[in-house]
PDB file of N, CA and C in Angstrom:
ATOM      1  N   MET A   1      -5.670  11.630   4.913  1.00  0.00           N
ATOM      2  CA  MET A   1      -6.472  10.377   4.683  1.00  0.00           C
ATOM      3  C   MET A   1      -7.461  11.073   3.692  1.00  0.00           C
ATOM      4  N   THR A   2      -7.905   9.887   2.667  1.00  0.00           N
ATOM      5  CA  THR A   2      -8.304  10.592   1.165  1.00  0.00           C
ATOM      6  C   THR A   2      -9.592  11.754   1.581  1.00  0.00           C
ATOM      7  N   LYS A   3     -10.560  12.702   1.044  1.00  0.00           N
ATOM      8  CA  LYS A   3     -11.398  13.582   1.334  1.00  0.00           C
ATOM      9  C   LYS A   3     -12.282  12.734   1.281  1.00  0.00           C
ATOM     10  N   ASN A   4     -12.215  11.727   0.119  1.00  0.00           N
ATOM     11  CA  ASN A   4     -13.443  11.201  -0.289  1.00  0.00           C
ATOM     12  C   ASN A   4     -14.372  10.129   0.480  1.00  0.00           C
ATOM     13  N   VAL A   5     -13.645   9.933   1.723  1.00  0.00           N
ATOM     14  CA  VAL A   5     -13.762   8.701   1.987  1.00  0.00           C
ATOM     15  C   VAL A   5     -15.078   8.493   2.442  1.00  0.00           C
ATOM     16  N   LEU A   6     -16.321   9.526   2.503  1.00  0.00           N
ATOM     17  CA  LEU A   6     -17.334   9.504   3.165  1.00  0.00           C
ATOM     18  C   LEU A   6     -18.229   9.516   2.201  1.00  0.00           C
ATOM     19  N   GLU A   7     -17.570   9.875   0.747  1.00  0.00           N
ATOM     20  CA  GLU A   7     -18.633  10.206  -0.345  1.00  0.00           C
ATOM     21  C   GLU A   7     -19.057   8.610  -0.724  1.00  0.00           C
ATOM     22  N   ALA A   8     -20.648   8.282  -1.075  1.00  0.00           N
ATOM     23  CA  ALA A   8     -20.907   7.513  -2.011  1.00  0.00           C
ATOM     24  C   ALA A   8     -19.947   6.611  -2.971  1.00  0.00           C
ATOM     25  N   ALA A   9     -19.748   7.134  -3.637  1.00  0.00           N
ATOM     26  CA  ALA A   9     -18.684   5.811  -4.346  1.00  0.00           C
ATOM     27  C   ALA A   9     -18.051   4.996  -2.712  1.00  0.00           C
ATOM     28  N   TYR A  10     -17.202   5.939  -2.015  1.00  0.00           N
ATOM     29  CA  TYR A  10     -15.928   5.045  -1.254  1.00  0.00           C
ATOM     30  C   TYR A  10     -16.398   4.612  -0.060  1.00  0.00           C
ATOM     31  N   LYS A  11     -17.776   5.012   0.402  1.00  0.00           N
ATOM     32  CA  LYS A  11     -18.349   4.742   1.903  1.00  0.00           C
ATOM     33  C   LYS A  11     -18.588   3.311   1.674  1.00  0.00           C
ATOM     34  N   ASP A  12     -19.536   2.896   0.772  1.00  0.00           N
ATOM     35  CA  ASP A  12     -19.719   1.642   1.062  1.00  0.00           C
ATOM     36  C   ASP A  12     -18.598   0.608   1.034  1.00  0.00           C
ATOM     37  N   LYS A  13     -17.395   0.875   0.193  1.00  0.00           N
ATOM     38  CA  LYS A  13     -16.235   0.193   0.577  1.00  0.00           C
ATOM     39  C   LYS A  13     -15.238   0.184   1.225  1.00  0.00           C
ATOM     40  N   TYR A  14     -15.120   1.593   2.602  1.00  0.00           N
ATOM     41  CA  TYR A  14     -14.433   1.564   3.405  1.00  0.00           C
ATOM     42  C   TYR A  14     -14.761   0.615   3.984  1.00  0.00           C
ATOM     43  N   GLY A  15     -15.736  -0.163   4.122  1.00  0.00           N
ATOM     44  CA  GLY A  15     -15.658  -1.143   5.473  1.00  0.00           C
ATOM     45  C   GLY A  15     -14.571  -2.324   4.813  1.00  0.00           C
ATOM     46  N   ASN A  16     -14.914  -3.137   3.471  1.00  0.00           N
ATOM     47  CA  ASN A  16     -14.231  -3.787   2.883  1.00  0.00           C
ATOM     48  C   ASN A  16     -12.442  -3.574   2.905  1.00  0.00           C
ATOM     49  N   VAL A  17     -12.231  -2.234   2.889  1.00  0.00           N
ATOM     50  CA  VAL A  17     -10.646  -2.052   3.083  1.00  0.00           C
ATOM     51  C   VAL A  17     -10.333  -2.204   4.433  1.00  0.00           C
ATOM     52  N   TYR A  18     -11.232  -1.670   5.035  1.00  0.00           N
ATOM     53  CA  TYR A  18     -10.894  -1.291   6.617  1.00  0.00           C
ATOM     54  C   TYR A  18     -10.141  -2.922   6.994  1.00  0.00           C
ATOM     55  N   GLU A  19     -11.450  -3.691   6.639  1.00  0.00           N
ATOM     56  CA  GLU A  19     -11.267  -5.743   6.694  1.00  0.00           C
ATOM     57  C   GLU A  19     -10.073  -6.100   6.599  1.00  0.00           C
ATOM     58  N   LYS A  20      -9.915  -5.801   5.502  1.00  0.00           N
ATOM     59  CA  LYS A  20      -8.701  -6.388   4.786  1.00  0.00           C
ATOM     60  C   LYS A  20      -7.195  -5.601   4.279  1.00  0.00           C
ATOM     61  N   ASP A  21      -7.194  -4.576   5.619  1.00  0.00           N
ATOM     62  CA  ASP A  21      -6.205  -3.309   5.620  1.00  0.00           C
ATOM     63  C   ASP A  21      -4.870  -3.982   6.119  1.00  0.00           C
ATOM     64  N   ALA A  22      -5.176  -4.881   7.163  1.00  0.00           N
ATOM     65  CA  ALA A  22      -3.917  -5.521   7.585  1.00  0.00           C
ATOM     66  C   ALA A  22      -3.390  -6.443   7.097  1.00  0.00           C
ATOM     67  N   LEU A  23      -3.879  -6.810   6.169  1.00  0.00           N
ATOM     68  CA  LEU A  23      -3.269  -8.308   5.351  1.00  0.00           C
ATOM     69  C   LEU A  23      -3.142  -7.641   4.168  1.00  0.00           C
ATOM     70  N   ILE A  24      -3.358  -6.506   3.804  1.00  0.00           N
ATOM     71  CA  ILE A  24      -2.638  -5.726   2.535  1.00  0.00           C
ATOM     72  C   ILE A  24      -1.422  -4.939   2.770  1.00  0.00           C
ATOM     73  N   ASN A  25      -1.443  -4.896   3.885  1.00  0.00           N
ATOM     74  CA  ASN A  25      -0.232  -3.745   4.175  1.00  0.00           C
ATOM     75  C   ASN A  25       1.029  -4.757   4.272  1.00  0.00           C
ATOM     76  N   MET A  26       0.605  -5.988   5.351  1.00  0.00           N
ATOM     77  CA  MET A  26       1.566  -6.745   5.787  1.00  0.00           C
ATOM     78  C   MET A  26       2.110  -7.458   4.183  1.00  0.00           C
ATOM     79  N   ALA A  27       1.546  -7.333   2.998  1.00  0.00           N
ATOM     80  CA  ALA A  27       2.156  -8.128   1.821  1.00  0.00           C
ATOM     81  C   ALA A  27       2.784  -6.406   1.163  1.00  0.00           C
ATOM     82  N   LEU A  28       2.162  -5.959   1.331  1.00  0.00           N
ATOM     83  CA  LEU A  28       3.104  -4.679   0.555  1.00  0.00           C
ATOM     84  C   LEU A  28       3.939  -4.140   1.826  1.00  0.00           C
ATOM     85  N   ASP A  29       4.275  -4.223   2.807  1.00  0.00           N
ATOM     86  CA  ASP A  29       5.597  -4.163   4.029  1.00  0.00           C
ATOM     87  C   ASP A  29       6.527  -5.057   3.457  1.00  0.00           C
ATOM     88  N   ILE A  30       6.125  -6.272   3.480  1.00  0.00           N
ATOM     89  CA  ILE A  30       7.541  -7.475   3.030  1.00  0.00           C
ATOM     90  C   ILE A  30       7.635  -6.832   1.634  1.00  0.00           C
ATOM     91  N   ARG A  31       6.764  -7.070   0.703  1.00  0.00           N
ATOM     92  CA  ARG A  31       7.348  -6.430  -0.745  1.00  0.00           C
ATOM     93  C   ARG A  31       8.038  -4.925  -0.567  1.00  0.00           C
ATOM     94  N   LEU A  32       8.297  -4.160   0.331  1.00  0.00           N
ATOM     95  CA  LEU A  32       8.683  -3.003  -0.010  1.00  0.00           C
ATOM     96  C   LEU A  32      10.380  -3.213   0.409  1.00  0.00           C
ATOM     97  N   ARG A  33      10.496  -4.600   1.847  1.00  0.00           N
ATOM     98  CA  ARG A  33      11.313  -4.538   2.341  1.00  0.00           C
ATOM     99  C   ARG A  33      12.276  -5.218   1.304  1.00  0.00           C
ATOM    100  N   GLU A  34      11.762  -6.277   0.913  1.00  0.00           N
ATOM    101  CA  GLU A  34      12.053  -7.007  -0.267  1.00  0.00           C
ATOM    102  C   GLU A  34      12.905  -5.874  -1.517  1.00  0.00           C
ATOM    103  N   LEU A  35      12.484  -5.791  -1.865  1.00  0.00           N
ATOM    104  CA  LEU A  35      12.501  -4.481  -3.048  1.00  0.00           C
ATOM    105  C   LEU A  35      13.885  -3.545  -2.565  1.00  0.00           C
ATOM    106  N   SER A  36      13.651  -2.937  -0.933  1.00  0.00           N
ATOM    107  CA  SER A  36      14.517  -1.899  -0.533  1.00  0.00           C
ATOM    108  C   SER A  36      15.891  -2.532   0.384  1.00  0.00           C
ATOM    109  N   HIS A  37      15.845  -4.026   0.176  1.00  0.00           N
ATOM    110  CA  HIS A  37      16.697  -4.352   1.197  1.00  0.00           C
ATOM    111  C   HIS A  37      16.495  -4.481   2.529  1.00  0.00           C
ATOM    112  N   GLY A  38      15.409  -4.138   3.220  1.00  0.00           N
ATOM    113  CA  GLY A  38      15.367  -3.781   4.389  1.00  0.00           C
ATOM    114  C   GLY A  38      15.130  -2.101   4.666  1.00  0.00           C
ATOM    115  N   GLU A  39      15.183  -1.452   3.773  1.00  0.00           N
ATOM    116  CA  GLU A  39      15.294   0.253   4.033  1.00  0.00           C
ATOM    117  C   GLU A  39      13.957   0.823   3.923  1.00  0.00           C
ATOM    118  N   LYS A  40      12.671   0.237   3.380  1.00  0.00           N
ATOM    119  CA  LYS A  40      11.475   1.101   3.633  1.00  0.00           C
ATOM    120  C   LYS A  40      10.696  -0.300   3.973  1.00  0.00           C
ATOM    121  N   GLY A  41       9.779   0.098   4.484  1.00  0.00           N
ATOM    122  CA  GLY A  41       8.503  -0.518   4.611  1.00  0.00           C
ATOM    123  C   GLY A  41       7.481   0.393   4.696  1.00  0.00           C
ATOM    124  N   VAL A  42       6.018  -0.012   5.122  1.00  0.00           N
ATOM    125  CA  VAL A  42       4.887   0.482   4.973  1.00  0.00           C
ATOM    126  C   VAL A  42       4.884   1.659   5.984  1.00  0.00           C
ATOM    127  N   LEU A  43       5.577   1.723   7.322  1.00  0.00           N
ATOM    128  CA  LEU A  43       5.585   2.679   7.783  1.00  0.00           C
ATOM    129  C   LEU A  43       6.371   4.209   7.702  1.00  0.00           C
ATOM    130  N   TRP A  44       7.443   3.804   6.539  1.00  0.00           N
ATOM    131  CA  TRP A  44       7.944   4.857   6.211  1.00  0.00           C
ATOM    132  C   TRP A  44       7.783   5.216   5.003  1.00  0.00           C
ATOM    133  N   LEU A  45       6.858   4.473   4.128  1.00  0.00           N
ATOM    134  CA  LEU A  45       5.887   4.593   2.956  1.00  0.00           C
ATOM    135  C   LEU A  45       4.623   5.882   3.647  1.00  0.00           C
ATOM    136  N   MET A  46       4.431   5.575   4.876  1.00  0.00           N
ATOM    137  CA  MET A  46       2.904   6.345   5.211  1.00  0.00           C
ATOM    138  C   MET A  46       3.281   7.881   5.866  1.00  0.00           C
ATOM    139  N   LYS A  47       4.367   7.807   5.958  1.00  0.00           N
ATOM    140  CA  LYS A  47       4.475   8.922   6.525  1.00  0.00           C
ATOM    141  C   LYS A  47       5.719  10.348   5.549  1.00  0.00           C
ATOM    142  N   GLN A  48       5.621   9.708   4.368  1.00  0.00           N
ATOM    143  CA  GLN A  48       5.842  10.577   3.026  1.00  0.00           C
ATOM    144  C   GLN A  48       4.600  11.130   2.451  1.00  0.00           C
ATOM    145  N   PRO A  49       3.708  10.727   2.305  1.00  0.00           N
ATOM    146  CA  PRO A  49       2.607  11.718   2.151  1.00  0.00           C
ATOM    147  C   PRO A  49       2.241  12.658   3.391  1.00  0.00           C
ATOM    148  N   SER A  50       2.576  12.435   4.418  1.00  0.00           N
ATOM    149  CA  SER A  50       1.819  13.168   5.313  1.00  0.00           C
ATOM    150  C   SER A  50       3.210  14.443   5.900  1.00  0.00           C
ATOM    151  N   GLN A  51       4.363  14.432   4.790  1.00  0.00           N
ATOM    152  CA  GLN A  51       5.243  15.488   4.842  1.00  0.00           C
ATOM    153  C   GLN A  51       5.261  16.039   3.791  1.00  0.00           C
ATOM    154  N   LYS A  52       4.073  15.440   2.685  1.00  0.00           N
ATOM    155  CA  LYS A  52       3.946  16.504   1.732  1.00  0.00           C
ATOM    156  C   LYS A  52       2.679  17.151   1.592  1.00  0.00           C
ATOM    157  N   TYR A  53       1.846  16.396   2.389  1.00  0.00           N
ATOM    158  CA  TYR A  53       0.461  17.395   2.370  1.00  0.00           C
ATOM    159  C   TYR A  53       0.104  17.801   3.319  1.00  0.00           C
ATOM    160  N   GLY A  54       0.721  17.584   4.672  1.00  0.00           N
ATOM    161  CA  GLY A  54       0.323  17.868   5.687  1.00  0.00           C
ATOM    162  C   GLY A  54      -0.849  17.446   6.658  1.00  0.00           C
ATOM    163  N   ASN A  55      -1.090  17.671   7.992  1.00  0.00           N
ATOM    164  CA  ASN A  55      -2.178  16.999   8.388  1.00  0.00           C
ATOM    165  C   ASN A  55      -3.750  17.708   8.031  1.00  0.00           C
ATOM    166  N   HIS A  56      -4.036  18.809   6.691  1.00  0.00           N
ATOM    167  CA  HIS A  56      -4.838  19.531   6.999  1.00  0.00           C
ATOM    168  C   HIS A  56      -5.059  19.298   5.155  1.00  0.00           C
ATOM    169  N   ILE A  57      -4.404  18.434   4.270  1.00  0.00           N
ATOM    170  CA  ILE A  57      -4.185  18.360   3.066  1.00  0.00           C
ATOM    171  C   ILE A  57      -4.932  17.125   2.750  1.00  0.00           C
ATOM    172  N   PRO A  58      -6.037  16.913   2.164  1.00  0.00           N
ATOM    173  CA  PRO A  58      -6.156  15.725   1.447  1.00  0.00           C
ATOM    174  C   PRO A  58      -5.445  15.265   0.674  1.00  0.00           C
ATOM    175  N   PHE A  59      -4.888  13.999   0.067  1.00  0.00           N
ATOM    176  CA  PHE A  59      -4.327  14.239  -1.299  1.00  0.00           C
ATOM    177  C   PHE A  59      -5.053  13.401  -2.205  1.00  0.00           C
ATOM    178  N   GLU A  60      -5.204  13.424  -3.535  1.00  0.00           N
ATOM    179  CA  GLU A  60      -5.941  13.260  -4.623  1.00  0.00           C
ATOM    180  C   GLU A  60      -6.174  11.542  -4.557  1.00  0.00           C
ATOM    181  N   ASP A  61      -7.121  11.148  -5.003  1.00  0.00           N
ATOM    182  CA  ASP A  61      -7.219   9.835  -4.801  1.00  0.00           C
ATOM    183  C   ASP A  61      -6.951   9.156  -6.143  1.00  0.00           C
ATOM    184  N   ASP A  62      -7.307  10.058  -6.799  1.00  0.00           N
ATOM    185  CA  ASP A  62      -6.702   8.911  -8.614  1.00  0.00           C
ATOM    186  C   ASP A  62      -5.068   9.266  -8.558  1.00  0.00           C
ATOM    187  N   ALA A  63      -4.326  10.198  -7.478  1.00  0.00           N
ATOM    188  CA  ALA A  63      -2.993  10.179  -7.972  1.00  0.00           C
ATOM    189  C   ALA A  63      -2.071   9.188  -7.358  1.00  0.00           C
ATOM    190  N   LEU A  64      -2.993   9.210  -6.229  1.00  0.00           N
ATOM    191  CA  LEU A  64      -2.260   8.151  -4.732  1.00  0.00           C
ATOM    192  C   LEU A  64      -1.348   6.974  -5.359  1.00  0.00           C
ATOM    193  N   VAL A  65      -2.075   6.266  -6.458  1.00  0.00           N
ATOM    194  CA  VAL A  65      -1.325   5.261  -6.587  1.00  0.00           C
ATOM    195  C   VAL A  65      -0.022   5.613  -7.383  1.00  0.00           C
ATOM    196  N   ASP A  66       0.372   6.102  -8.090  1.00  0.00           N
ATOM    197  CA  ASP A  66       1.316   7.092  -8.727  1.00  0.00           C
ATOM    198  C   ASP A  66       2.041   7.684  -7.879  1.00  0.00           C
ATOM    199  N   GLU A  67       2.016   8.491  -7.129  1.00  0.00           N
ATOM    200  CA  GLU A  67       2.375   8.862  -5.634  1.00  0.00           C
ATOM    201  C   GLU A  67       3.422   7.974  -5.428  1.00  0.00           C
ATOM    202  N   ILE A  68       2.915   6.490  -4.941  1.00  0.00           N
ATOM    203  CA  ILE A  68       3.599   5.993  -4.297  1.00  0.00           C
ATOM    204  C   ILE A  68       4.524   4.967  -5.088  1.00  0.00           C
ATOM    205  N   VAL A  69       4.110   4.517  -6.089  1.00  0.00           N
ATOM    206  CA  VAL A  69       4.996   4.050  -7.193  1.00  0.00           C
ATOM    207  C   VAL A  69       6.485   5.133  -7.176  1.00  0.00           C
ATOM    208  N   ALA A  70       5.941   6.394  -7.324  1.00  0.00           N
ATOM    209  CA  ALA A  70       7.194   7.363  -7.715  1.00  0.00           C
ATOM    210  C   ALA A  70       7.994   6.971  -6.368  1.00  0.00           C
ATOM    211  N   LEU A  71       7.182   7.230  -4.895  1.00  0.00           N
ATOM    212  CA  LEU A  71       8.426   6.800  -4.176  1.00  0.00           C
ATOM    213  C   LEU A  71       9.309   5.284  -3.962  1.00  0.00           C
ATOM    214  N   THR A  72       8.500   4.245  -4.191  1.00  0.00           N
ATOM    215  CA  THR A  72       9.173   3.221  -4.092  1.00  0.00           C
ATOM    216  C   THR A  72       9.399   2.342  -5.642  1.00  0.00           C
ATOM    217  N   TYR A  73       9.044   1.773  -5.647  1.00  0.00           N
ATOM    218  CA  TYR A  73       9.385   0.582  -7.381  1.00  0.00           C
ATOM    219  C   TYR A  73       8.284   0.661  -8.017  1.00  0.00           C
ATOM    220  N   PRO A  74       8.441   0.246  -9.528  1.00  0.00           N
ATOM    221  CA  PRO A  74       7.607   0.009 -10.668  1.00  0.00           C
ATOM    222  C   PRO A  74       6.709  -0.915 -10.583  1.00  0.00           C
ATOM    223  N   GLU A  75       7.346  -1.767  -9.296  1.00  0.00           N
ATOM    224  CA  GLU A  75       6.498  -3.652  -9.601  1.00  0.00           C
ATOM    225  C   GLU A  75       5.519  -3.219  -8.311  1.00  0.00           C
ATOM    226  N   ILE A  76       5.546  -1.921  -7.436  1.00  0.00           N
ATOM    227  CA  ILE A  76       4.641  -1.699  -6.878  1.00  0.00           C
ATOM    228  C   ILE A  76       3.020  -1.880  -7.263  1.00  0.00           C
ATOM    229  N   LYS A  77       3.331  -1.245  -8.764  1.00  0.00           N
ATOM    230  CA  LYS A  77       2.159  -0.449  -9.350  1.00  0.00           C
ATOM    231  C   LYS A  77       1.377  -1.742  -9.719  1.00  0.00           C
ATOM    232  N   ASP A  78       1.808  -2.905  -9.906  1.00  0.00           N
ATOM    233  CA  ASP A  78       1.112  -4.124 -10.794  1.00  0.00           C
ATOM    234  C   ASP A  78       0.315  -4.836  -9.659  1.00  0.00           C
ATOM    235  N   SER A  79       0.851  -5.226  -7.938  1.00  0.00           N
ATOM    236  CA  SER A  79      -0.417  -5.464  -7.213  1.00  0.00           C
ATOM    237  C   SER A  79      -1.408  -4.302  -6.949  1.00  0.00           C
ATOM    238  N   PHE A  80      -0.997  -2.913  -6.504  1.00  0.00           N
ATOM    239  CA  PHE A  80      -1.928  -2.130  -6.586  1.00  0.00           C
ATOM    240  C   PHE A  80      -2.925  -2.424  -7.756  1.00  0.00           C
ATOM    241  N   ILE A  81      -2.891  -2.112  -8.888  1.00  0.00           N
ATOM    242  CA  ILE A  81      -3.864  -2.335  -9.818  1.00  0.00           C
ATOM    243  C   ILE A  81      -4.342  -3.830  -9.878  1.00  0.00           C
ATOM    244  N   THR A  82      -3.975  -4.690  -9.475  1.00  0.00           N
ATOM    245  CA  THR A  82      -4.549  -6.011  -9.559  1.00  0.00           C
ATOM    246  C   THR A  82      -5.298  -6.223  -8.286  1.00  0.00           C
ATOM    247  N   HIS A  83      -4.523  -6.272  -7.183  1.00  0.00           N
ATOM    248  CA  HIS A  83      -5.546  -6.316  -6.134  1.00  0.00           C
ATOM    249  C   HIS A  83      -5.798  -5.352  -5.276  1.00  0.00           C
ATOM    250  N   VAL A  84      -6.296  -4.300  -5.079  1.00  0.00           N
ATOM    251  CA  VAL A  84      -6.588  -3.151  -4.473  1.00  0.00           C
ATOM    252  C   VAL A  84      -7.392  -2.101  -5.374  1.00  0.00           C
ATOM    253  N   ILE A  85      -6.902  -1.800  -6.175  1.00  0.00           N
ATOM    254  CA  ILE A  85      -7.725  -1.000  -7.836  1.00  0.00           C
ATOM    255  C   ILE A  85      -8.846  -2.211  -8.309  1.00  0.00           C
ATOM    256  N   GLY A  86      -8.112  -3.352  -8.849  1.00  0.00           N
ATOM    257  CA  GLY A  86      -9.009  -4.198  -9.429  1.00  0.00           C
ATOM    258  C   GLY A  86      -9.843  -5.148  -8.474  1.00  0.00           C
ATOM    259  N   ASN A  87     -10.315  -6.572  -8.601  1.00  0.00           N
ATOM    260  CA  ASN A  87     -10.756  -7.173  -8.072  1.00  0.00           C
ATOM    261  C   ASN A  87     -10.653  -8.410  -7.446  1.00  0.00           C
ATOM    262  N   LYS A  88      -8.681  -8.678  -7.941  1.00  0.00           N
ATOM    263  CA  LYS A  88      -8.370 -10.418  -7.887  1.00  0.00           C
ATOM    264  C   LYS A  88      -8.067 -10.286  -6.387  1.00  0.00           C
ATOM    265  N   PRO A  89      -8.743 -10.888  -6.133  1.00  0.00           N
ATOM    266  CA  PRO A  89      -8.068 -11.913  -4.392  1.00  0.00           C
ATOM    267  C   PRO A  89      -6.434 -12.209  -4.581  1.00  0.00           C
ATOM    268  N   ILE A  90      -5.957 -11.725  -3.404  1.00  0.00           N
ATOM    269  CA  ILE A  90      -4.346 -11.567  -3.296  1.00  0.00           C
ATOM    270  C   ILE A  90      -4.024 -13.609  -2.869  1.00  0.00           C
ATOM    271  N   VAL A  91      -3.585 -14.009  -3.181  1.00  0.00           N
ATOM    272  CA  VAL A  91      -3.062 -15.234  -2.963  1.00  0.00           C
ATOM    273  C   VAL A  91      -2.193 -15.610  -2.126  1.00  0.00           C
ATOM    274  N   TYR A  92      -2.528 -15.405  -0.602  1.00  0.00           N
ATOM    275  CA  TYR A  92      -1.634 -15.146   0.012  1.00  0.00           C
ATOM    276  C   TYR A  92      -0.517 -16.196   0.216  1.00  0.00           C
ATOM    277  N   ARG A  93      -0.977 -17.911   0.566  1.00  0.00           N
ATOM    278  CA  ARG A  93      -0.473 -18.878   0.012  1.00  0.00           C
ATOM    279  C   ARG A  93       0.779 -18.541  -1.120  1.00  0.00           C
ATOM    280  N   GLU A  94       0.402 -18.501  -2.000  1.00  0.00           N
ATOM    281  CA  GLU A  94       1.612 -18.404  -3.062  1.00  0.00           C
ATOM    282  C   GLU A  94       2.501 -17.157  -3.057  1.00  0.00           C
ATOM    283  N   PHE A  95       1.556 -16.055  -2.263  1.00  0.00           N
ATOM    284  CA  PHE A  95       2.850 -14.595  -1.363  1.00  0.00           C
ATOM    285  C   PHE A  95       4.081 -15.539  -0.767  1.00  0.00           C
ATOM    286  N   TRP A  96       3.301 -16.762  -0.028  1.00  0.00           N
ATOM    287  CA  TRP A  96       4.407 -16.062   1.195  1.00  0.00           C
ATOM    288  C   TRP A  96       5.426 -17.538   0.838  1.00  0.00           C
ATOM    289  N   GLU A  97       4.967 -18.534  -0.111  1.00  0.00           N
ATOM    290  CA  GLU A  97       5.490 -19.955  -0.337  1.00  0.00           C
ATOM    291  C   GLU A  97       7.071 -18.845  -1.052  1.00  0.00           C
ATOM    292  N   GLY A  98       7.591 -17.952  -1.879  1.00  0.00           N
ATOM    293  CA  GLY A  98       8.753 -17.214  -2.019  1.00  0.00           C
ATOM    294  C   GLY A  98       9.119 -16.620  -0.915  1.00  0.00           C
ATOM    295  N   TRP A  99       8.708 -16.109   0.255  1.00  0.00           N
ATOM    296  CA  TRP A  99       9.150 -15.268   1.275  1.00  0.00           C
ATOM    297  C   TRP A  99       9.603 -16.027   1.889  1.00  0.00           C
ATOM    298  N   THR A 100      11.160 -15.560   2.634  1.00  0.00           N
ATOM    299  CA  THR A 100      11.964 -16.084   3.826  1.00  0.00           C
ATOM    300  C   THR A 100      12.241 -14.853   4.498  1.00  0.00           C
ATOM    301  N   PHE A 101      11.983 -14.956   5.851  1.00  0.00           N
ATOM    302  CA  PHE A 101      12.773 -14.026   6.598  1.00  0.00           C
ATOM    303  C   PHE A 101      13.589 -13.736   6.766  1.00  0.00           C
ATOM    304  N   ARG A 102      14.546 -12.077   6.476  1.00  0.00           N
ATOM    305  CA  ARG A 102      15.971 -11.828   6.941  1.00  0.00           C
ATOM    306  C   ARG A 102      16.151 -11.090   7.549  1.00  0.00           C
ATOM    307  N   ASN A 103      17.422 -10.644   7.670  1.00  0.00           N
ATOM    308  CA  ASN A 103      17.537 -10.088   8.832  1.00  0.00           C
ATOM    309  C   ASN A 103      18.317  -8.957   8.156  1.00  0.00           C
ATOM    310  N   TYR A 104      17.496  -7.675   8.209  1.00  0.00           N
ATOM    311  CA  TYR A 104      17.946  -6.466   6.981  1.00  0.00           C
ATOM    312  C   TYR A 104      18.611  -5.803   7.782  1.00  0.00           C
ATOM    313  N   SER A 105      18.937  -5.639   8.823  1.00  0.00           N
ATOM    314  CA  SER A 105      20.188  -5.210   9.749  1.00  0.00           C
ATOM    315  C   SER A 105      21.015  -5.469   9.844  1.00  0.00           C
ATOM    316  N   GLU A 106      21.404  -6.441   8.914  1.00  0.00           N
ATOM    317  CA  GLU A 106      22.953  -6.775   8.809  1.00  0.00           C
ATOM    318  C   GLU A 106      23.920  -5.754   7.933  1.00  0.00           C
TER     319      GLU A 106
END
């Protein structure tokens, strides 16, 4: 977890992120599964920083997106810049139009 979550710059935004977190994570999970052909998802991604930082060392906020991109795919960075760092809402209808559920275990 970020060490800055309760500082003024982040504290007021925490509720917004918390409320939208499930949808953002779902979209990220689907995109990761598409790009990795089912080998990577959000749970896999969440384990990676904890392996690097452990339970007692917070990650650097400014480096998080670059670390996620280094672990995954360059295409992920555009979504973070546009929808998470930026303020452009995710248009879920457009997002779902191109998605078909696949069985990646085959």
